Amino acid sequence: MAAQVRLCKKCSGIKAKDLKGAVGKEDVRCGCFGACRKKRPELKGRVYVRVRGGIVSAGSKKKLRRSVAEALAE
């Protein structure tokens, strides 16, 4: 089964350990997913990840953890 959450340690502003509790370790993959802040200026100052092919962003790591859990529950 493919990972449900993908993050870029360089651009996302978050690390895999920051999602602990919301996502299982086996469901997180790290690497570029083509949404760097240069290409997506609306993400400046936000933390974000790709969940099931869509971008989920929030103003803080705590809010992102909650948003990712909700997105995975759908």
C-alpha atoms as a PDB file:
ATOM      1  CA  MET A   1       0.000   0.000   0.000  1.00  0.00           C
ATOM      2  CA  ALA A   2       1.323   3.436  -0.921  1.00  0.00           C
ATOM      3  CA  ALA A   3       1.967   6.103   1.692  1.00  0.00           C
ATOM      4  CA  GLN A   4      -0.988   8.349   2.339  1.00  0.00           C
ATOM      5  CA  VAL A   5       1.028  11.358   3.519  1.00  0.00           C
ATOM      6  CA  ARG A   6       4.067  12.836   1.789  1.00  0.00           C
ATOM      7  CA  LEU A   7       6.184  15.674   3.091  1.00  0.00           C
ATOM      8  CA  CYS A   8       9.300  17.511   2.049  1.00  0.00           C
ATOM      9  CA  LYS A   9      11.583  18.189   5.003  1.00  0.00           C
ATOM     10  CA  LYS A  10      13.060  21.188   3.186  1.00  0.00           C
ATOM     11  CA  CYS A  11       9.902  22.962   2.020  1.00  0.00           C
ATOM     12  CA  SER A  12       7.020  21.687   4.140  1.00  0.00           C
ATOM     13  CA  GLY A  13       8.225  23.220   7.392  1.00  0.00           C
ATOM     14  CA  ILE A  14       7.452  19.990   9.222  1.00  0.00           C
ATOM     15  CA  LYS A  15       9.151  16.673   9.974  1.00  0.00           C
ATOM     16  CA  ALA A  16       7.635  13.196  10.088  1.00  0.00           C
ATOM     17  CA  LYS A  17       7.906  13.099  13.887  1.00  0.00           C
ATOM     18  CA  ASP A  18       5.651  16.186  14.076  1.00  0.00           C
ATOM     19  CA  LEU A  19       2.768  14.090  12.712  1.00  0.00           C
ATOM     20  CA  LYS A  20       3.157  11.421  15.388  1.00  0.00           C
ATOM     21  CA  GLY A  21      -0.234  10.429  16.712  1.00  0.00           C
ATOM     22  CA  ALA A  22      -2.142  11.600  13.642  1.00  0.00           C
ATOM     23  CA  VAL A  23      -0.496   9.280  11.117  1.00  0.00           C
ATOM     24  CA  GLY A  24       1.240   5.942  11.458  1.00  0.00           C
ATOM     25  CA  LYS A  25       4.957   5.915  10.692  1.00  0.00           C
ATOM     26  CA  GLU A  26       4.390   3.495   7.794  1.00  0.00           C
ATOM     27  CA  ASP A  27       1.983   5.970   6.128  1.00  0.00           C
ATOM     28  CA  VAL A  28       4.476   8.861   5.900  1.00  0.00           C
ATOM     29  CA  ARG A  29       7.038   9.250   3.109  1.00  0.00           C
ATOM     30  CA  CYS A  30       9.569  12.042   2.800  1.00  0.00           C
ATOM     31  CA  GLY A  31      10.632  13.659  -0.449  1.00  0.00           C
ATOM     32  CA  CYS A  32       9.763  16.407  -2.866  1.00  0.00           C
ATOM     33  CA  PHE A  33       6.189  16.494  -4.115  1.00  0.00           C
ATOM     34  CA  GLY A  34       6.422  19.628  -6.269  1.00  0.00           C
ATOM     35  CA  ALA A  35       4.796  22.206  -3.993  1.00  0.00           C
ATOM     36  CA  CYS A  36       7.742  24.352  -2.974  1.00  0.00           C
ATOM     37  CA  ARG A  37       7.110  27.872  -1.752  1.00  0.00           C
ATOM     38  CA  LYS A  38       8.699  29.314  -4.889  1.00  0.00           C
ATOM     39  CA  LYS A  39       6.015  27.664  -7.027  1.00  0.00           C
ATOM     40  CA  ARG A  40       3.184  28.136  -4.502  1.00  0.00           C
ATOM     41  CA  PRO A  41       3.567  31.569  -2.820  1.00  0.00           C
ATOM     42  CA  GLU A  42       0.225  31.128  -1.004  1.00  0.00           C
ATOM     43  CA  LEU A  43       1.961  28.530   1.212  1.00  0.00           C
ATOM     44  CA  LYS A  44       4.494  31.032   2.576  1.00  0.00           C
ATOM     45  CA  GLY A  45       4.440  31.025   6.374  1.00  0.00           C
ATOM     46  CA  ARG A  46       2.409  27.804   6.519  1.00  0.00           C
ATOM     47  CA  VAL A  47       3.245  24.149   7.143  1.00  0.00           C
ATOM     48  CA  TYR A  48       1.876  21.652   4.654  1.00  0.00           C
ATOM     49  CA  VAL A  49       1.903  18.080   3.401  1.00  0.00           C
ATOM     50  CA  ARG A  50       0.340  16.125   0.576  1.00  0.00           C
ATOM     51  CA  VAL A  51      -2.452  13.802   1.697  1.00  0.00           C
ATOM     52  CA  ARG A  52      -3.855  11.351  -0.849  1.00  0.00           C
ATOM     53  CA  GLY A  53      -2.784  13.595  -3.713  1.00  0.00           C
ATOM     54  CA  GLY A  54      -4.074  16.926  -2.320  1.00  0.00           C
ATOM     55  CA  ILE A  55      -2.286  19.627  -0.332  1.00  0.00           C
ATOM     56  CA  VAL A  56      -3.292  20.105   3.309  1.00  0.00           C
ATOM     57  CA  SER A  57      -1.883  23.232   4.967  1.00  0.00           C
ATOM     58  CA  ALA A  58      -2.233  25.032   8.292  1.00  0.00           C
ATOM     59  CA  GLY A  59      -0.734  27.901  10.225  1.00  0.00           C
ATOM     60  CA  SER A  60       0.910  25.669  12.846  1.00  0.00           C
ATOM     61  CA  LYS A  61       2.168  22.120  13.281  1.00  0.00           C
ATOM     62  CA  LYS A  62      -0.544  21.363  15.826  1.00  0.00           C
ATOM     63  CA  LYS A  63      -3.311  22.535  13.486  1.00  0.00           C
ATOM     64  CA  LEU A  64      -1.759  20.623  10.595  1.00  0.00           C
ATOM     65  CA  ARG A  65      -1.696  17.425  12.658  1.00  0.00           C
ATOM     66  CA  ARG A  66      -5.431  17.857  13.313  1.00  0.00           C
ATOM     67  CA  SER A  67      -6.175  18.649   9.639  1.00  0.00           C
ATOM     68  CA  VAL A  68      -4.235  15.597   8.417  1.00  0.00           C
ATOM     69  CA  ALA A  69      -6.106  13.329  10.837  1.00  0.00           C
ATOM     70  CA  GLU A  70      -9.418  14.731   9.556  1.00  0.00           C
ATOM     71  CA  ALA A  71      -8.377  14.320   5.915  1.00  0.00           C
ATOM     72  CA  LEU A  72      -7.418  10.699   6.513  1.00  0.00           C
ATOM     73  CA  ALA A  73     -10.705   9.994   8.312  1.00  0.00           C
ATOM     74  CA  GLU A  74     -12.715  10.947   5.206  1.00  0.00           C
END
